[in-house]
N, C-alpha and C. Protein backbone atom coordinates (compact mmCIF):
# COMPACT_ATOMS: atom_id res chain seq x y z
N UNK A 1 195.46 -148.41 22.91
CA UNK A 1 195.55 -147.06 22.41
C UNK A 1 195.01 -146.11 23.48
N UNK A 2 195.71 -145.04 23.70
CA UNK A 2 195.32 -144.05 24.70
C UNK A 2 194.97 -142.73 24.04
N UNK A 3 194.18 -141.97 24.75
CA UNK A 3 193.82 -140.62 24.35
C UNK A 3 194.28 -139.68 25.46
N UNK A 4 194.64 -138.47 25.10
CA UNK A 4 195.05 -137.48 26.09
C UNK A 4 193.91 -136.47 26.27
N UNK A 5 193.45 -136.34 27.52
CA UNK A 5 192.42 -135.37 27.87
C UNK A 5 193.10 -134.13 28.44
N UNK A 6 192.56 -132.97 28.13
CA UNK A 6 193.10 -131.70 28.62
C UNK A 6 192.03 -130.98 29.44
N UNK A 7 192.40 -130.55 30.64
CA UNK A 7 191.52 -129.77 31.50
C UNK A 7 192.27 -128.55 31.99
N UNK A 8 191.61 -127.39 31.95
CA UNK A 8 192.15 -126.18 32.57
C UNK A 8 191.51 -126.04 33.94
N UNK A 9 192.36 -125.83 34.95
CA UNK A 9 191.89 -125.76 36.33
C UNK A 9 192.32 -124.45 36.96
N UNK A 10 191.49 -123.90 37.85
CA UNK A 10 191.75 -122.55 38.37
C UNK A 10 192.89 -122.45 39.38
N UNK A 11 193.17 -123.52 40.13
CA UNK A 11 194.18 -123.40 41.19
C UNK A 11 194.79 -124.76 41.52
N UNK A 12 195.81 -124.73 42.39
CA UNK A 12 196.52 -125.96 42.74
C UNK A 12 195.66 -126.88 43.61
N UNK A 13 194.78 -126.31 44.44
CA UNK A 13 193.93 -127.13 45.30
C UNK A 13 193.00 -128.01 44.50
N UNK A 14 192.33 -127.42 43.52
CA UNK A 14 191.44 -128.18 42.64
C UNK A 14 192.23 -129.21 41.86
N UNK A 15 193.40 -128.82 41.38
CA UNK A 15 194.24 -129.73 40.62
C UNK A 15 194.64 -130.92 41.48
N UNK A 16 195.04 -130.67 42.71
CA UNK A 16 195.45 -131.73 43.62
C UNK A 16 194.28 -132.69 43.91
N UNK A 17 193.06 -132.13 44.11
CA UNK A 17 191.88 -132.96 44.36
C UNK A 17 191.60 -133.88 43.18
N UNK A 18 191.66 -133.33 41.98
CA UNK A 18 191.38 -134.13 40.78
C UNK A 18 192.45 -135.21 40.60
N UNK A 19 193.71 -134.86 40.82
CA UNK A 19 194.78 -135.86 40.71
C UNK A 19 194.53 -137.00 41.70
N UNK A 20 194.16 -136.68 42.93
CA UNK A 20 193.87 -137.71 43.92
C UNK A 20 192.70 -138.59 43.50
N UNK A 21 191.66 -137.98 42.93
CA UNK A 21 190.51 -138.75 42.45
C UNK A 21 190.91 -139.66 41.29
N UNK A 22 191.78 -139.17 40.42
CA UNK A 22 192.24 -139.99 39.30
C UNK A 22 193.05 -141.18 39.80
N UNK A 23 193.87 -140.95 40.82
CA UNK A 23 194.64 -142.04 41.40
C UNK A 23 193.71 -143.08 42.02
N UNK A 24 192.64 -142.63 42.70
CA UNK A 24 191.66 -143.55 43.27
C UNK A 24 190.89 -144.31 42.18
N UNK A 25 190.77 -143.69 41.00
CA UNK A 25 190.11 -144.33 39.86
C UNK A 25 191.08 -145.24 39.09
N UNK A 26 192.25 -145.46 39.68
CA UNK A 26 193.27 -146.36 39.14
C UNK A 26 193.92 -145.85 37.85
N UNK A 27 194.06 -144.53 37.73
CA UNK A 27 194.85 -143.95 36.65
C UNK A 27 196.28 -143.86 37.19
N UNK A 28 197.22 -144.47 36.50
CA UNK A 28 198.61 -144.49 36.93
C UNK A 28 199.19 -143.07 36.95
N UNK A 29 199.98 -142.77 37.97
CA UNK A 29 200.58 -141.44 38.12
C UNK A 29 201.42 -141.06 36.90
N UNK A 30 201.97 -142.04 36.20
CA UNK A 30 202.75 -141.79 35.00
C UNK A 30 201.93 -141.30 33.82
N UNK A 31 200.60 -141.38 33.94
CA UNK A 31 199.71 -140.94 32.87
C UNK A 31 199.00 -139.63 33.21
N UNK A 32 199.46 -138.99 34.29
CA UNK A 32 198.89 -137.71 34.71
C UNK A 32 200.00 -136.67 34.65
N UNK A 33 199.75 -135.56 33.97
CA UNK A 33 200.77 -134.52 33.78
C UNK A 33 200.14 -133.15 34.04
N UNK A 34 200.85 -132.32 34.79
CA UNK A 34 200.35 -130.98 35.13
C UNK A 34 201.35 -129.94 34.66
N UNK A 35 200.84 -128.89 34.01
CA UNK A 35 201.66 -127.75 33.61
C UNK A 35 201.13 -126.51 34.30
N UNK A 36 202.06 -125.69 34.77
CA UNK A 36 201.70 -124.42 35.40
C UNK A 36 202.67 -123.36 34.93
N UNK A 37 202.38 -122.12 35.30
CA UNK A 37 203.25 -121.00 34.94
C UNK A 37 204.66 -121.27 35.46
N UNK A 38 205.64 -120.85 34.71
CA UNK A 38 207.04 -121.03 35.08
C UNK A 38 207.30 -120.42 36.46
N UNK A 39 207.97 -121.18 37.31
CA UNK A 39 208.29 -120.71 38.65
C UNK A 39 207.25 -121.07 39.69
N UNK A 40 206.12 -121.67 39.27
CA UNK A 40 205.07 -122.06 40.21
C UNK A 40 205.48 -123.33 40.94
N UNK A 41 205.32 -123.34 42.24
CA UNK A 41 205.61 -124.53 43.03
C UNK A 41 204.53 -125.57 42.76
N UNK A 42 204.95 -126.75 42.36
CA UNK A 42 203.99 -127.80 42.01
C UNK A 42 203.52 -128.57 43.24
N UNK A 43 204.25 -128.50 44.32
CA UNK A 43 203.81 -129.10 45.58
C UNK A 43 203.38 -130.55 45.49
N UNK A 44 204.16 -131.37 44.85
CA UNK A 44 203.85 -132.80 44.77
C UNK A 44 202.98 -133.20 43.60
N UNK A 45 202.53 -132.27 42.80
CA UNK A 45 201.75 -132.61 41.61
C UNK A 45 202.68 -133.22 40.56
N UNK A 46 202.17 -134.16 39.76
CA UNK A 46 203.01 -134.78 38.72
C UNK A 46 203.29 -133.81 37.57
N UNK A 47 204.43 -133.17 37.61
CA UNK A 47 204.76 -132.14 36.64
C UNK A 47 205.03 -132.73 35.26
N UNK A 48 204.53 -132.05 34.24
CA UNK A 48 204.77 -132.46 32.86
C UNK A 48 206.26 -132.34 32.56
N UNK A 49 206.78 -133.31 31.82
CA UNK A 49 208.20 -133.28 31.47
C UNK A 49 208.39 -132.72 30.06
N UNK A 50 209.59 -132.78 29.58
CA UNK A 50 209.92 -132.20 28.27
C UNK A 50 209.12 -132.85 27.14
N UNK A 51 208.73 -134.10 27.31
CA UNK A 51 207.95 -134.78 26.27
C UNK A 51 206.56 -134.16 26.12
N UNK A 52 205.97 -133.69 27.22
CA UNK A 52 204.66 -133.07 27.15
C UNK A 52 204.74 -131.57 26.90
N UNK A 53 205.81 -130.94 27.33
CA UNK A 53 205.92 -129.48 27.22
C UNK A 53 206.43 -129.01 25.86
N UNK A 54 207.19 -129.83 25.17
CA UNK A 54 207.83 -129.38 23.93
C UNK A 54 207.44 -130.27 22.75
N UNK A 55 207.88 -129.86 21.58
CA UNK A 55 207.67 -130.65 20.36
C UNK A 55 208.87 -131.55 20.07
N UNK A 56 209.49 -132.08 21.11
CA UNK A 56 210.66 -132.94 20.96
C UNK A 56 210.36 -134.16 20.10
N UNK A 57 209.28 -134.87 20.40
CA UNK A 57 208.95 -136.10 19.65
C UNK A 57 208.70 -135.77 18.19
N UNK A 58 207.92 -134.72 17.94
CA UNK A 58 207.64 -134.33 16.56
C UNK A 58 208.94 -133.96 15.83
N UNK A 59 209.82 -133.23 16.51
CA UNK A 59 211.11 -132.86 15.91
C UNK A 59 211.96 -134.07 15.59
N UNK A 60 212.01 -135.02 16.52
CA UNK A 60 212.79 -136.24 16.27
C UNK A 60 212.27 -137.01 15.06
N UNK A 61 210.95 -137.17 15.02
CA UNK A 61 210.35 -137.90 13.90
C UNK A 61 210.63 -137.23 12.57
N UNK A 62 210.41 -135.93 12.54
CA UNK A 62 210.60 -135.19 11.29
C UNK A 62 212.06 -135.21 10.86
N UNK A 63 212.98 -135.00 11.80
CA UNK A 63 214.41 -135.01 11.49
C UNK A 63 214.88 -136.37 11.02
N UNK A 64 214.35 -137.43 11.63
CA UNK A 64 214.70 -138.79 11.24
C UNK A 64 214.31 -139.05 9.79
N UNK A 65 213.10 -138.65 9.42
CA UNK A 65 212.63 -138.88 8.05
C UNK A 65 213.39 -138.03 7.03
N UNK A 66 213.49 -136.75 7.30
CA UNK A 66 214.16 -135.85 6.35
C UNK A 66 215.65 -136.18 6.24
N UNK A 67 216.29 -136.42 7.39
CA UNK A 67 217.71 -136.77 7.37
C UNK A 67 217.98 -138.09 6.68
N UNK A 68 217.12 -139.09 6.92
CA UNK A 68 217.27 -140.38 6.26
C UNK A 68 217.10 -140.27 4.75
N UNK A 69 216.10 -139.53 4.33
CA UNK A 69 215.87 -139.33 2.90
C UNK A 69 217.03 -138.59 2.25
N UNK A 70 217.52 -137.56 2.93
CA UNK A 70 218.67 -136.80 2.42
C UNK A 70 219.90 -137.69 2.34
N UNK A 71 220.08 -138.55 3.34
CA UNK A 71 221.21 -139.48 3.33
C UNK A 71 221.14 -140.47 2.18
N UNK A 72 219.94 -140.95 1.88
CA UNK A 72 219.78 -141.87 0.74
C UNK A 72 220.17 -141.18 -0.55
N UNK A 73 219.69 -139.95 -0.73
CA UNK A 73 220.03 -139.21 -1.95
C UNK A 73 221.54 -138.98 -2.04
N UNK A 74 222.15 -138.60 -0.91
CA UNK A 74 223.61 -138.38 -0.92
C UNK A 74 224.35 -139.68 -1.22
N UNK A 75 223.87 -140.80 -0.69
CA UNK A 75 224.50 -142.09 -0.96
C UNK A 75 224.39 -142.50 -2.41
N UNK A 76 223.23 -142.27 -3.00
CA UNK A 76 223.03 -142.61 -4.42
C UNK A 76 223.94 -141.74 -5.29
N UNK A 77 224.01 -140.46 -4.98
CA UNK A 77 224.88 -139.56 -5.75
C UNK A 77 226.33 -139.98 -5.61
N UNK A 78 226.75 -140.37 -4.40
CA UNK A 78 228.14 -140.79 -4.18
C UNK A 78 228.47 -142.06 -4.97
N UNK A 79 227.51 -142.97 -5.10
CA UNK A 79 227.78 -144.20 -5.86
C UNK A 79 227.82 -143.94 -7.36
N UNK A 80 227.14 -142.90 -7.82
CA UNK A 80 227.10 -142.60 -9.25
C UNK A 80 228.28 -141.76 -9.73
N UNK A 81 228.95 -141.08 -8.84
CA UNK A 81 230.09 -140.25 -9.23
C UNK A 81 231.32 -141.14 -9.48
N UNK A 82 231.90 -141.02 -10.69
CA UNK A 82 233.07 -141.86 -10.98
C UNK A 82 234.32 -141.43 -10.20
N UNK A 83 234.39 -140.18 -9.79
CA UNK A 83 235.58 -139.70 -9.09
C UNK A 83 235.66 -140.22 -7.66
N UNK A 84 234.53 -140.53 -7.06
CA UNK A 84 234.53 -141.04 -5.67
C UNK A 84 235.04 -142.47 -5.66
N UNK A 85 234.60 -143.26 -6.59
CA UNK A 85 235.08 -144.63 -6.70
C UNK A 85 234.47 -145.59 -5.68
N UNK A 86 233.46 -145.15 -4.95
CA UNK A 86 232.80 -146.03 -3.99
C UNK A 86 231.48 -146.47 -4.58
N UNK A 87 230.99 -147.59 -4.13
CA UNK A 87 229.72 -148.06 -4.66
C UNK A 87 229.07 -149.06 -3.74
N UNK A 88 227.89 -149.45 -4.14
CA UNK A 88 227.20 -150.50 -3.40
C UNK A 88 226.14 -149.97 -2.46
N UNK A 89 225.31 -150.92 -2.06
CA UNK A 89 224.22 -150.60 -1.15
C UNK A 89 224.69 -150.24 0.25
N UNK A 90 225.88 -150.73 0.62
CA UNK A 90 226.41 -150.43 1.95
C UNK A 90 226.64 -148.94 2.14
N UNK A 91 227.15 -148.28 1.10
CA UNK A 91 227.38 -146.84 1.18
C UNK A 91 226.05 -146.09 1.29
N UNK A 92 225.08 -146.51 0.52
CA UNK A 92 223.76 -145.85 0.58
C UNK A 92 223.15 -146.03 1.97
N UNK A 93 223.24 -147.24 2.50
CA UNK A 93 222.71 -147.50 3.83
C UNK A 93 223.44 -146.69 4.89
N UNK A 94 224.75 -146.61 4.80
CA UNK A 94 225.54 -145.83 5.77
C UNK A 94 225.18 -144.35 5.70
N UNK A 95 225.01 -143.82 4.51
CA UNK A 95 224.62 -142.42 4.36
C UNK A 95 223.22 -142.18 4.90
N UNK A 96 222.31 -143.13 4.65
CA UNK A 96 220.94 -142.99 5.15
C UNK A 96 220.93 -142.99 6.67
N UNK A 97 221.68 -143.90 7.29
CA UNK A 97 221.73 -143.96 8.75
C UNK A 97 222.37 -142.71 9.35
N UNK A 98 223.45 -142.27 8.73
CA UNK A 98 224.12 -141.06 9.23
C UNK A 98 223.21 -139.84 9.07
N UNK A 99 222.54 -139.73 7.94
CA UNK A 99 221.61 -138.61 7.71
C UNK A 99 220.45 -138.64 8.70
N UNK A 100 219.92 -139.84 8.95
CA UNK A 100 218.81 -139.97 9.91
C UNK A 100 219.25 -139.57 11.31
N UNK A 101 220.44 -140.01 11.71
CA UNK A 101 220.94 -139.67 13.04
C UNK A 101 221.19 -138.18 13.20
N UNK A 102 221.83 -137.59 12.22
CA UNK A 102 222.11 -136.15 12.29
C UNK A 102 220.81 -135.35 12.22
N UNK A 103 219.90 -135.75 11.35
CA UNK A 103 218.61 -135.06 11.24
C UNK A 103 217.79 -135.15 12.51
N UNK A 104 217.74 -136.35 13.12
CA UNK A 104 217.00 -136.52 14.37
C UNK A 104 217.61 -135.68 15.48
N UNK A 105 218.92 -135.67 15.56
CA UNK A 105 219.60 -134.88 16.60
C UNK A 105 219.31 -133.39 16.43
N UNK A 106 219.49 -132.88 15.21
CA UNK A 106 219.30 -131.45 14.97
C UNK A 106 217.83 -131.04 15.19
N UNK A 107 216.90 -131.79 14.64
CA UNK A 107 215.49 -131.45 14.80
C UNK A 107 215.02 -131.65 16.23
N UNK A 108 215.57 -132.65 16.90
CA UNK A 108 215.23 -132.87 18.31
C UNK A 108 215.67 -131.71 19.17
N UNK A 109 216.85 -131.16 18.89
CA UNK A 109 217.34 -130.00 19.64
C UNK A 109 216.41 -128.80 19.43
N UNK A 110 215.99 -128.60 18.20
CA UNK A 110 215.09 -127.49 17.90
C UNK A 110 213.72 -127.75 18.53
N UNK A 111 213.21 -128.96 18.37
CA UNK A 111 211.89 -129.31 18.91
C UNK A 111 211.81 -129.21 20.42
N UNK A 112 212.92 -129.48 21.10
CA UNK A 112 212.90 -129.41 22.57
C UNK A 112 212.79 -127.98 23.07
N UNK A 113 213.02 -127.02 22.20
CA UNK A 113 212.96 -125.61 22.57
C UNK A 113 211.66 -124.94 22.13
N UNK A 114 210.79 -125.69 21.46
CA UNK A 114 209.53 -125.15 20.94
C UNK A 114 208.39 -125.72 21.78
N UNK A 115 207.44 -124.86 22.18
CA UNK A 115 206.31 -125.34 22.98
C UNK A 115 205.49 -126.32 22.17
N UNK A 116 205.00 -127.35 22.83
CA UNK A 116 204.20 -128.39 22.20
C UNK A 116 203.00 -127.75 21.50
N UNK A 117 202.79 -128.11 20.26
CA UNK A 117 201.70 -127.53 19.47
C UNK A 117 200.33 -127.85 20.07
N UNK A 118 200.21 -128.95 20.80
CA UNK A 118 198.95 -129.31 21.45
C UNK A 118 198.70 -128.46 22.70
N UNK A 119 199.78 -127.96 23.30
CA UNK A 119 199.68 -127.18 24.53
C UNK A 119 199.59 -125.68 24.22
N UNK A 120 200.04 -125.29 23.04
CA UNK A 120 200.08 -123.87 22.67
C UNK A 120 198.76 -123.13 22.89
N UNK A 121 197.59 -123.72 22.57
CA UNK A 121 196.33 -122.99 22.80
C UNK A 121 196.08 -122.64 24.27
N UNK A 122 196.74 -123.32 25.20
CA UNK A 122 196.53 -123.09 26.62
C UNK A 122 197.58 -122.16 27.23
N UNK A 123 198.53 -121.72 26.41
CA UNK A 123 199.66 -120.94 26.91
C UNK A 123 199.20 -119.67 27.64
N UNK A 124 198.23 -118.97 27.11
CA UNK A 124 197.75 -117.73 27.73
C UNK A 124 197.10 -118.01 29.09
N UNK A 125 196.28 -119.05 29.17
CA UNK A 125 195.63 -119.41 30.43
C UNK A 125 196.66 -119.83 31.48
N UNK A 126 197.68 -120.56 31.05
CA UNK A 126 198.73 -120.99 31.98
C UNK A 126 199.48 -119.78 32.52
N UNK A 127 199.77 -118.82 31.66
CA UNK A 127 200.46 -117.60 32.09
C UNK A 127 199.62 -116.77 33.04
N UNK A 128 198.30 -116.88 32.96
CA UNK A 128 197.41 -116.17 33.88
C UNK A 128 197.33 -116.86 35.24
N UNK A 129 197.91 -118.06 35.36
CA UNK A 129 197.92 -118.75 36.65
C UNK A 129 197.09 -120.02 36.70
N UNK A 130 196.44 -120.38 35.61
CA UNK A 130 195.67 -121.62 35.60
C UNK A 130 196.61 -122.82 35.45
N UNK A 131 196.09 -123.98 35.78
CA UNK A 131 196.85 -125.23 35.68
C UNK A 131 196.27 -126.05 34.54
N UNK A 132 197.15 -126.63 33.73
CA UNK A 132 196.73 -127.51 32.65
C UNK A 132 196.97 -128.95 33.11
N UNK A 133 195.90 -129.72 33.17
CA UNK A 133 195.97 -131.12 33.56
C UNK A 133 195.82 -131.96 32.31
N UNK A 134 196.79 -132.83 32.04
CA UNK A 134 196.75 -133.74 30.90
C UNK A 134 196.67 -135.16 31.45
N UNK A 135 195.69 -135.91 30.98
CA UNK A 135 195.49 -137.27 31.46
C UNK A 135 195.49 -138.21 30.26
N UNK A 136 196.34 -139.21 30.30
CA UNK A 136 196.38 -140.22 29.25
C UNK A 136 195.54 -141.41 29.71
N UNK A 137 194.42 -141.64 29.03
CA UNK A 137 193.50 -142.71 29.43
C UNK A 137 193.25 -143.65 28.26
N UNK A 138 192.90 -144.91 28.55
CA UNK A 138 192.50 -145.81 27.46
C UNK A 138 191.30 -145.21 26.74
N UNK A 139 191.23 -145.43 25.43
CA UNK A 139 190.19 -144.78 24.63
C UNK A 139 188.78 -145.14 25.10
N UNK A 140 188.61 -146.31 25.69
CA UNK A 140 187.30 -146.72 26.18
C UNK A 140 186.89 -145.97 27.45
N UNK A 141 187.85 -145.36 28.14
CA UNK A 141 187.56 -144.67 29.41
C UNK A 141 187.45 -143.15 29.27
N UNK A 142 187.55 -142.63 28.06
CA UNK A 142 187.54 -141.18 27.86
C UNK A 142 186.28 -140.56 28.45
N UNK A 143 185.13 -141.06 28.08
CA UNK A 143 183.87 -140.49 28.54
C UNK A 143 183.71 -140.65 30.05
N UNK A 144 184.08 -141.80 30.59
CA UNK A 144 183.94 -142.05 32.02
C UNK A 144 184.79 -141.08 32.84
N UNK A 145 186.04 -140.89 32.45
CA UNK A 145 186.94 -140.00 33.19
C UNK A 145 186.50 -138.55 33.03
N UNK A 146 186.09 -138.17 31.82
CA UNK A 146 185.62 -136.81 31.59
C UNK A 146 184.42 -136.51 32.47
N UNK A 147 183.46 -137.41 32.52
CA UNK A 147 182.27 -137.21 33.34
C UNK A 147 182.60 -137.17 34.83
N UNK A 148 183.55 -138.01 35.25
CA UNK A 148 183.94 -138.03 36.66
C UNK A 148 184.50 -136.67 37.07
N UNK A 149 185.40 -136.13 36.25
CA UNK A 149 186.02 -134.84 36.57
C UNK A 149 184.98 -133.73 36.54
N UNK A 150 184.14 -133.71 35.51
CA UNK A 150 183.13 -132.65 35.37
C UNK A 150 182.08 -132.70 36.48
N UNK A 151 181.69 -133.89 36.90
CA UNK A 151 180.65 -133.99 37.92
C UNK A 151 181.16 -133.57 39.29
N UNK A 152 182.40 -133.87 39.61
CA UNK A 152 182.96 -133.51 40.91
C UNK A 152 183.51 -132.08 40.94
N UNK A 153 183.90 -131.57 39.78
CA UNK A 153 184.55 -130.26 39.71
C UNK A 153 184.02 -129.47 38.51
N UNK A 154 182.87 -128.78 38.69
CA UNK A 154 182.32 -128.02 37.57
C UNK A 154 183.23 -126.87 37.12
N UNK A 155 184.17 -126.47 37.98
CA UNK A 155 185.10 -125.39 37.61
C UNK A 155 186.18 -125.86 36.64
N UNK A 156 186.30 -127.16 36.46
CA UNK A 156 187.27 -127.71 35.51
C UNK A 156 186.72 -127.57 34.10
N UNK A 157 187.50 -126.97 33.23
CA UNK A 157 187.08 -126.78 31.84
C UNK A 157 187.71 -127.85 30.98
N UNK A 158 186.87 -128.76 30.46
CA UNK A 158 187.36 -129.80 29.56
C UNK A 158 187.61 -129.15 28.22
N UNK A 159 188.84 -129.19 27.76
CA UNK A 159 189.22 -128.43 26.57
C UNK A 159 189.27 -129.25 25.29
N UNK A 160 189.95 -130.39 25.32
CA UNK A 160 190.07 -131.16 24.09
C UNK A 160 190.52 -132.58 24.41
N UNK A 161 190.43 -133.43 23.40
CA UNK A 161 190.92 -134.81 23.47
C UNK A 161 191.79 -135.03 22.26
N UNK A 162 193.04 -135.46 22.50
CA UNK A 162 193.92 -135.80 21.38
C UNK A 162 193.45 -137.11 20.78
N UNK A 163 193.46 -137.24 19.47
CA UNK A 163 193.02 -138.48 18.83
C UNK A 163 193.90 -139.66 19.22
N UNK A 164 195.19 -139.48 19.31
CA UNK A 164 196.09 -140.54 19.76
C UNK A 164 197.30 -139.87 20.41
N UNK A 165 198.00 -140.63 21.22
CA UNK A 165 199.26 -140.15 21.78
C UNK A 165 200.31 -141.21 21.53
N UNK A 166 201.57 -140.84 21.48
CA UNK A 166 202.60 -141.84 21.28
C UNK A 166 202.62 -142.85 22.42
N UNK A 167 202.96 -144.06 22.11
CA UNK A 167 202.94 -145.11 23.12
C UNK A 167 204.10 -144.99 24.10
N UNK A 168 205.23 -144.44 23.68
CA UNK A 168 206.42 -144.47 24.53
C UNK A 168 206.57 -143.36 25.55
N UNK A 169 205.99 -142.14 25.41
CA UNK A 169 206.23 -141.19 26.50
C UNK A 169 205.32 -141.50 27.64
């Protein structure tokens, strides 16, 4: 299980130094994500992708559940209507799968256009030119990594720790 640490940093130089220190501490580059104001040159920093910047994952999950549930209801109604003449669990399953797929697609499209709710509190600081550093670390290393960053870079503001992060992004 991993936790996501958030740090606000004043400039790209400090951000680059911390990223290099994290790499030396054996944090994989795939677990380090940096967000900056739109149009800012990242200069080799590991830029956050759509999974970290948007609510895509949340949208997919929500759409999958709501669409699947709606599909089940539509399937049950279709089997109960005498005019349709279709029946059986296969129809209910097909409707549930179709509803889940359509719901996930639609909600995913919406979620990919909405700023990540975990990143939203930092939006103003990012627009002012600060850098948001997100680090995914094993839960046992949270304190060690936090102390390492704070001791070497007092200008880094430790903002929050997510209780859990999805395993797949």
